[in-house]
Amino acid sequence: MRATVVCESAFGNTRKIAEAIAEALDAELLSVEDSLPDLDALDLLVVGAPTHVHGLPSERSRKAAVDQGGTGVDPTRGIRDWLTELPRANGQLVAAFDTRFEKPAWAHRIGRERHREAAPAAGVRSRRRAGELLRPRG
């Protein structure tokens, strides 16, 4: 199986998970700063992102991560941008994962966000570009 793993990571946690997945799959590991892969040459695309404010990182949340000491992030380009630039493909499998810090239920803003984690949002965006979505994982 030919696979590529792409991730966005501000503090390195998502990158560590992506590295482990890439090693297990014997896959190429990309960052959102890297060039887009040739989807026609892939069987599986794995997309990973941290959860920022109950969803995919935005430019604003990436800037906040940098302000908090995150060094692995380009505030101007993230997984949202990478997925938007991804060309349409021919039904490859897509898997998505996120990393998140679990907070007590009372600390979450309920009802304002469509997704409470990054993986479902990344998966939906990936599926639009590639193909069949495997169940997103956090």
N, C-alpha and C. Protein backbone atom coordinates (compact mmCIF):
# COMPACT_ATOMS: atom_id res chain seq x y z
N MET A 1 0.85 -1.17 0.00
CA MET A 1 0.00 0.00 0.00
C MET A 1 0.90 1.24 0.00
N ARG A 2 0.60 2.14 -0.89
CA ARG A 2 1.35 3.41 -0.98
C ARG A 2 0.58 4.46 -0.19
N ALA A 3 1.25 5.02 0.81
CA ALA A 3 0.57 5.97 1.70
C ALA A 3 1.43 7.20 1.94
N THR A 4 0.75 8.29 2.24
CA THR A 4 1.40 9.53 2.65
C THR A 4 0.68 10.04 3.88
N VAL A 5 1.46 10.53 4.84
CA VAL A 5 0.92 11.12 6.06
C VAL A 5 1.31 12.60 6.04
N VAL A 6 0.34 13.47 6.24
CA VAL A 6 0.62 14.91 6.30
C VAL A 6 0.08 15.44 7.63
N CYS A 7 0.83 16.36 8.23
CA CYS A 7 0.36 16.89 9.51
C CYS A 7 0.72 18.35 9.68
N GLU A 8 -0.02 18.97 10.57
CA GLU A 8 0.28 20.30 11.07
C GLU A 8 0.52 20.13 12.56
N SER A 9 1.57 20.73 13.07
CA SER A 9 1.88 20.58 14.49
C SER A 9 2.55 21.84 15.02
N ALA A 10 2.03 22.36 16.11
CA ALA A 10 2.60 23.58 16.70
C ALA A 10 3.61 23.26 17.80
N PHE A 11 3.29 22.28 18.62
CA PHE A 11 4.13 21.97 19.77
C PHE A 11 4.85 20.63 19.63
N GLY A 12 4.63 19.93 18.52
CA GLY A 12 5.33 18.68 18.27
C GLY A 12 4.55 17.42 18.59
N ASN A 13 3.43 17.53 19.29
CA ASN A 13 2.67 16.33 19.66
C ASN A 13 2.02 15.66 18.46
N THR A 14 1.39 16.43 17.61
CA THR A 14 0.77 15.87 16.41
C THR A 14 1.83 15.28 15.50
N ARG A 15 2.98 15.93 15.42
CA ARG A 15 4.09 15.44 14.59
C ARG A 15 4.56 14.07 15.08
N LYS A 16 4.64 13.87 16.40
CA LYS A 16 5.07 12.58 16.94
C LYS A 16 4.10 11.46 16.54
N ILE A 17 2.82 11.74 16.62
CA ILE A 17 1.81 10.75 16.21
C ILE A 17 1.94 10.47 14.71
N ALA A 18 2.09 11.52 13.92
CA ALA A 18 2.25 11.36 12.47
C ALA A 18 3.48 10.53 12.13
N GLU A 19 4.58 10.76 12.84
CA GLU A 19 5.81 9.99 12.62
C GLU A 19 5.57 8.51 12.91
N ALA A 20 4.87 8.21 14.00
CA ALA A 20 4.59 6.82 14.34
C ALA A 20 3.70 6.16 13.29
N ILE A 21 2.70 6.88 12.81
CA ILE A 21 1.82 6.33 11.77
C ILE A 21 2.60 6.11 10.48
N ALA A 22 3.42 7.09 10.08
CA ALA A 22 4.21 6.95 8.86
C ALA A 22 5.17 5.77 8.96
N GLU A 23 5.78 5.59 10.12
CA GLU A 23 6.70 4.46 10.30
C GLU A 23 5.95 3.13 10.20
N ALA A 24 4.80 3.05 10.83
CA ALA A 24 4.01 1.82 10.81
C ALA A 24 3.54 1.46 9.40
N LEU A 25 3.24 2.49 8.62
CA LEU A 25 2.75 2.27 7.24
C LEU A 25 3.87 2.25 6.21
N ASP A 26 5.10 2.52 6.64
CA ASP A 26 6.22 2.71 5.73
C ASP A 26 5.84 3.76 4.68
N ALA A 27 5.36 4.89 5.19
CA ALA A 27 4.81 5.95 4.35
C ALA A 27 5.68 7.19 4.38
N GLU A 28 5.50 8.02 3.38
CA GLU A 28 6.15 9.33 3.34
C GLU A 28 5.45 10.24 4.34
N LEU A 29 6.23 11.05 5.06
CA LEU A 29 5.69 12.01 6.01
C LEU A 29 5.89 13.42 5.47
N LEU A 30 4.80 14.17 5.37
CA LEU A 30 4.85 15.54 4.89
C LEU A 30 4.35 16.49 5.95
N SER A 31 4.79 17.72 5.85
CA SER A 31 4.28 18.80 6.67
C SER A 31 3.43 19.69 5.76
N VAL A 32 2.63 20.56 6.33
CA VAL A 32 1.80 21.43 5.50
C VAL A 32 2.63 22.41 4.68
N GLU A 33 3.91 22.58 5.02
CA GLU A 33 4.78 23.44 4.23
C GLU A 33 5.31 22.74 2.98
N ASP A 34 5.18 21.40 2.93
CA ASP A 34 5.71 20.63 1.80
C ASP A 34 4.78 20.67 0.59
N SER A 35 5.32 20.27 -0.54
CA SER A 35 4.53 20.20 -1.77
C SER A 35 3.46 19.13 -1.66
N LEU A 36 2.42 19.32 -2.44
CA LEU A 36 1.32 18.34 -2.46
C LEU A 36 1.78 17.04 -3.10
N PRO A 37 1.29 15.90 -2.60
CA PRO A 37 1.67 14.62 -3.20
C PRO A 37 0.87 14.35 -4.48
N ASP A 38 1.36 13.41 -5.27
CA ASP A 38 0.62 12.94 -6.44
C ASP A 38 -0.42 11.94 -5.94
N LEU A 39 -1.66 12.36 -5.82
CA LEU A 39 -2.69 11.49 -5.27
C LEU A 39 -2.92 10.24 -6.11
N ASP A 40 -2.70 10.33 -7.40
CA ASP A 40 -2.90 9.17 -8.25
C ASP A 40 -1.90 8.06 -7.94
N ALA A 41 -0.80 8.41 -7.29
CA ALA A 41 0.21 7.42 -6.92
C ALA A 41 -0.03 6.86 -5.52
N LEU A 42 -1.09 7.28 -4.84
CA LEU A 42 -1.35 6.86 -3.47
C LEU A 42 -2.57 5.97 -3.36
N ASP A 43 -2.52 5.09 -2.35
CA ASP A 43 -3.70 4.30 -1.97
C ASP A 43 -4.37 4.89 -0.73
N LEU A 44 -3.55 5.58 0.10
CA LEU A 44 -4.05 6.10 1.36
C LEU A 44 -3.39 7.44 1.67
N LEU A 45 -4.22 8.40 2.09
CA LEU A 45 -3.74 9.69 2.57
C LEU A 45 -4.19 9.82 4.02
N VAL A 46 -3.24 10.05 4.91
CA VAL A 46 -3.55 10.25 6.33
C VAL A 46 -3.28 11.71 6.66
N VAL A 47 -4.27 12.38 7.25
CA VAL A 47 -4.19 13.80 7.55
C VAL A 47 -4.32 13.98 9.06
N GLY A 48 -3.37 14.73 9.66
CA GLY A 48 -3.42 14.96 11.09
C GLY A 48 -3.26 16.42 11.45
N ALA A 49 -3.98 16.83 12.50
CA ALA A 49 -3.91 18.22 12.95
C ALA A 49 -4.22 18.30 14.43
N PRO A 50 -3.70 19.31 15.08
CA PRO A 50 -4.11 19.54 16.47
C PRO A 50 -5.50 20.15 16.49
N THR A 51 -6.18 19.99 17.60
CA THR A 51 -7.48 20.64 17.77
C THR A 51 -7.24 22.01 18.40
N HIS A 52 -7.68 23.03 17.70
CA HIS A 52 -7.60 24.41 18.20
C HIS A 52 -9.02 24.95 18.27
N VAL A 53 -9.44 25.39 19.41
CA VAL A 53 -10.76 25.99 19.59
C VAL A 53 -11.85 25.10 18.99
N HIS A 54 -11.81 23.82 19.33
CA HIS A 54 -12.82 22.84 18.95
C HIS A 54 -12.84 22.49 17.46
N GLY A 55 -11.77 22.71 16.73
CA GLY A 55 -11.77 22.38 15.32
C GLY A 55 -10.38 22.49 14.72
N LEU A 56 -10.34 22.58 13.41
CA LEU A 56 -9.06 22.73 12.72
C LEU A 56 -8.41 24.05 13.08
N PRO A 57 -7.08 24.07 13.15
CA PRO A 57 -6.39 25.32 13.42
C PRO A 57 -6.70 26.37 12.34
N SER A 58 -6.80 27.60 12.77
CA SER A 58 -6.99 28.72 11.86
C SER A 58 -5.75 29.60 11.95
N GLU A 59 -5.67 30.59 11.09
CA GLU A 59 -4.53 31.50 11.16
C GLU A 59 -4.45 32.15 12.54
N ARG A 60 -5.58 32.54 13.04
CA ARG A 60 -5.62 33.18 14.36
C ARG A 60 -5.16 32.22 15.46
N SER A 61 -5.63 30.97 15.44
CA SER A 61 -5.23 30.03 16.49
C SER A 61 -3.76 29.61 16.35
N ARG A 62 -3.26 29.57 15.12
CA ARG A 62 -1.82 29.27 14.93
C ARG A 62 -0.97 30.41 15.49
N LYS A 63 -1.40 31.66 15.28
CA LYS A 63 -0.67 32.80 15.85
C LYS A 63 -0.69 32.71 17.38
N ALA A 64 -1.81 32.31 17.95
CA ALA A 64 -1.90 32.15 19.41
C ALA A 64 -0.95 31.05 19.87
N ALA A 65 -0.84 29.97 19.10
CA ALA A 65 0.09 28.88 19.46
C ALA A 65 1.53 29.38 19.45
N VAL A 66 1.88 30.20 18.48
CA VAL A 66 3.23 30.78 18.42
C VAL A 66 3.46 31.66 19.65
N ASP A 67 2.46 32.46 20.02
CA ASP A 67 2.56 33.32 21.20
C ASP A 67 2.74 32.50 22.48
N GLN A 68 2.24 31.26 22.47
CA GLN A 68 2.36 30.38 23.64
C GLN A 68 3.63 29.53 23.60
N GLY A 69 4.48 29.76 22.60
CA GLY A 69 5.75 29.04 22.53
C GLY A 69 5.83 27.94 21.50
N GLY A 70 4.80 27.78 20.69
CA GLY A 70 4.83 26.78 19.62
C GLY A 70 5.86 27.16 18.57
N THR A 71 6.73 26.24 18.25
CA THR A 71 7.81 26.54 17.31
C THR A 71 7.65 25.82 15.98
N GLY A 72 6.79 24.81 15.90
CA GLY A 72 6.68 24.02 14.69
C GLY A 72 5.59 24.48 13.76
N VAL A 73 5.19 25.73 13.83
CA VAL A 73 4.03 26.18 13.07
C VAL A 73 4.35 27.43 12.26
N ASP A 74 3.81 27.44 11.06
CA ASP A 74 3.83 28.64 10.23
C ASP A 74 2.46 29.28 10.40
N PRO A 75 2.36 30.42 11.05
CA PRO A 75 1.05 30.99 11.32
C PRO A 75 0.23 31.30 10.07
N THR A 76 0.88 31.40 8.92
CA THR A 76 0.15 31.78 7.71
C THR A 76 -0.33 30.59 6.88
N ARG A 77 0.09 29.37 7.21
CA ARG A 77 -0.30 28.21 6.40
C ARG A 77 -0.53 27.00 7.30
N GLY A 78 -1.70 26.39 7.15
CA GLY A 78 -2.03 25.23 7.95
C GLY A 78 -2.69 24.14 7.13
N ILE A 79 -3.23 23.18 7.82
CA ILE A 79 -3.83 22.03 7.17
C ILE A 79 -5.06 22.43 6.34
N ARG A 80 -5.80 23.46 6.81
CA ARG A 80 -6.94 23.95 6.01
C ARG A 80 -6.48 24.38 4.62
N ASP A 81 -5.40 25.16 4.59
CA ASP A 81 -4.87 25.66 3.32
C ASP A 81 -4.37 24.51 2.46
N TRP A 82 -3.65 23.58 3.09
CA TRP A 82 -3.08 22.43 2.38
C TRP A 82 -4.19 21.61 1.73
N LEU A 83 -5.27 21.36 2.48
CA LEU A 83 -6.37 20.57 1.94
C LEU A 83 -7.11 21.31 0.83
N THR A 84 -7.21 22.63 0.93
CA THR A 84 -7.86 23.42 -0.11
C THR A 84 -7.09 23.33 -1.42
N GLU A 85 -5.77 23.25 -1.34
CA GLU A 85 -4.94 23.18 -2.53
C GLU A 85 -4.83 21.76 -3.10
N LEU A 86 -5.25 20.77 -2.34
CA LEU A 86 -5.15 19.38 -2.77
C LEU A 86 -6.04 19.14 -3.99
N PRO A 87 -5.48 18.60 -5.06
CA PRO A 87 -6.31 18.35 -6.24
C PRO A 87 -7.28 17.19 -6.01
N ARG A 88 -8.32 17.16 -6.79
CA ARG A 88 -9.26 16.04 -6.72
C ARG A 88 -8.56 14.78 -7.20
N ALA A 89 -8.97 13.64 -6.62
CA ALA A 89 -8.32 12.38 -6.96
C ALA A 89 -9.37 11.33 -7.29
N ASN A 90 -8.91 10.10 -7.37
CA ASN A 90 -9.77 9.01 -7.85
C ASN A 90 -10.12 8.01 -6.77
N GLY A 91 -10.69 8.43 -5.69
CA GLY A 91 -11.23 7.52 -4.70
C GLY A 91 -10.24 6.88 -3.75
N GLN A 92 -9.12 7.52 -3.47
CA GLN A 92 -8.18 6.98 -2.49
C GLN A 92 -8.82 6.96 -1.11
N LEU A 93 -8.32 6.09 -0.25
CA LEU A 93 -8.76 6.08 1.14
C LEU A 93 -8.15 7.28 1.86
N VAL A 94 -8.92 7.85 2.77
CA VAL A 94 -8.44 8.98 3.56
C VAL A 94 -8.69 8.65 5.03
N ALA A 95 -7.68 8.88 5.85
CA ALA A 95 -7.83 8.74 7.30
C ALA A 95 -7.43 10.07 7.92
N ALA A 96 -8.10 10.43 9.01
CA ALA A 96 -7.80 11.68 9.68
C ALA A 96 -7.66 11.43 11.17
N PHE A 97 -6.72 12.15 11.80
CA PHE A 97 -6.57 12.07 13.24
C PHE A 97 -6.30 13.46 13.79
N ASP A 98 -6.56 13.61 15.08
CA ASP A 98 -6.25 14.88 15.74
C ASP A 98 -5.61 14.60 17.09
N THR A 99 -4.98 15.63 17.61
CA THR A 99 -4.51 15.59 18.99
C THR A 99 -5.25 16.69 19.71
N ARG A 100 -5.60 16.42 20.96
CA ARG A 100 -6.35 17.40 21.72
C ARG A 100 -6.08 17.23 23.20
N PHE A 101 -6.29 18.29 23.89
CA PHE A 101 -6.20 18.30 25.34
C PHE A 101 -7.62 18.20 25.86
N GLU A 102 -7.90 17.17 26.61
CA GLU A 102 -9.26 16.98 27.13
C GLU A 102 -9.53 17.96 28.27
N LYS A 103 -10.63 18.66 28.15
CA LYS A 103 -11.06 19.61 29.18
C LYS A 103 -12.37 19.11 29.77
N PRO A 104 -12.70 19.54 30.96
CA PRO A 104 -14.01 19.18 31.51
C PRO A 104 -15.12 19.75 30.63
N ALA A 105 -16.25 19.08 30.63
CA ALA A 105 -17.37 19.48 29.77
C ALA A 105 -17.77 20.94 29.98
N TRP A 106 -17.70 21.43 31.20
CA TRP A 106 -18.12 22.80 31.45
C TRP A 106 -17.20 23.82 30.79
N ALA A 107 -15.99 23.41 30.43
CA ALA A 107 -15.03 24.34 29.83
C ALA A 107 -15.22 24.51 28.33
N HIS A 108 -16.03 23.66 27.73
CA HIS A 108 -16.27 23.74 26.28
C HIS A 108 -17.38 24.74 25.97
N ARG A 109 -17.23 25.43 24.86
CA ARG A 109 -18.32 26.26 24.37
C ARG A 109 -19.25 25.33 23.60
N ILE A 110 -20.40 25.10 24.10
CA ILE A 110 -21.34 24.16 23.49
C ILE A 110 -22.16 24.87 22.42
N GLY A 111 -22.31 24.23 21.28
CA GLY A 111 -23.22 24.68 20.26
C GLY A 111 -22.68 25.69 19.27
N ARG A 112 -21.52 26.26 19.50
CA ARG A 112 -21.02 27.30 18.60
C ARG A 112 -20.19 26.72 17.47
N GLU A 113 -19.59 25.57 17.68
CA GLU A 113 -18.71 24.99 16.67
C GLU A 113 -19.39 23.79 16.03
N ARG A 114 -19.16 23.61 14.77
CA ARG A 114 -19.72 22.47 14.06
C ARG A 114 -19.03 21.19 14.48
N HIS A 115 -17.73 21.24 14.69
CA HIS A 115 -16.95 20.09 15.11
C HIS A 115 -16.30 20.41 16.45
N ARG A 116 -16.15 19.40 17.28
CA ARG A 116 -15.49 19.61 18.58
C ARG A 116 -14.05 19.15 18.53
N GLU A 117 -13.62 18.52 17.48
CA GLU A 117 -12.25 18.08 17.31
C GLU A 117 -11.82 18.40 15.89
N ALA A 118 -10.51 18.30 15.64
CA ALA A 118 -9.99 18.60 14.32
C ALA A 118 -10.19 17.44 13.34
N ALA A 119 -10.12 16.19 13.81
CA ALA A 119 -10.17 15.04 12.90
C ALA A 119 -11.43 15.00 12.04
N PRO A 120 -12.63 15.16 12.60
CA PRO A 120 -13.81 15.13 11.72
C PRO A 120 -13.77 16.22 10.65
N ALA A 121 -13.35 17.41 11.01
CA ALA A 121 -13.29 18.50 10.04
C ALA A 121 -12.25 18.21 8.98
N ALA A 122 -11.08 17.72 9.38
CA ALA A 122 -10.04 17.38 8.42
C ALA A 122 -10.50 16.24 7.51
N GLY A 123 -11.20 15.29 8.09
CA GLY A 123 -11.70 14.17 7.30
C GLY A 123 -12.71 14.59 6.25
N VAL A 124 -13.63 15.45 6.63
CA VAL A 124 -14.64 15.94 5.68
C VAL A 124 -13.96 16.69 4.55
N ARG A 125 -13.03 17.56 4.88
CA ARG A 125 -12.33 18.33 3.85
C ARG A 125 -11.49 17.42 2.97
N SER A 126 -10.86 16.39 3.55
CA SER A 126 -10.04 15.45 2.78
C SER A 126 -10.91 14.63 1.84
N ARG A 127 -12.05 14.17 2.35
CA ARG A 127 -12.93 13.33 1.54
C ARG A 127 -13.40 14.08 0.30
N ARG A 128 -13.64 15.36 0.44
CA ARG A 128 -14.08 16.15 -0.71
C ARG A 128 -13.03 16.14 -1.81
N ARG A 129 -11.77 16.05 -1.43
CA ARG A 129 -10.68 16.07 -2.40
C ARG A 129 -10.26 14.69 -2.85
N ALA A 130 -10.29 13.72 -1.97
CA ALA A 130 -9.74 12.41 -2.30
C ALA A 130 -10.87 11.40 -2.46
N GLY A 131 -11.18 10.65 -1.44
CA GLY A 131 -12.16 9.58 -1.65
C GLY A 131 -12.80 9.12 -0.37
N GLU A 132 -12.85 7.82 -0.18
CA GLU A 132 -13.55 7.21 0.92
C GLU A 132 -12.86 7.54 2.25
N LEU A 133 -13.65 8.00 3.19
CA LEU A 133 -13.12 8.42 4.49
C LEU A 133 -13.23 7.30 5.49
N LEU A 134 -12.11 6.96 6.11
CA LEU A 134 -12.13 6.04 7.23
C LEU A 134 -12.54 6.82 8.47
N ARG A 135 -13.02 6.18 9.50
CA ARG A 135 -13.51 6.88 10.69
C ARG A 135 -12.42 7.75 11.31
N PRO A 136 -12.68 9.06 11.45
CA PRO A 136 -11.69 9.95 12.06
C PRO A 136 -11.42 9.55 13.51
N ARG A 137 -10.17 9.72 13.92
CA ARG A 137 -9.76 9.35 15.26
C ARG A 137 -9.09 10.50 15.98
N GLY A 138 -9.31 10.59 17.26
CA GLY A 138 -8.63 11.57 18.09
C GLY A 138 -7.61 10.89 18.96
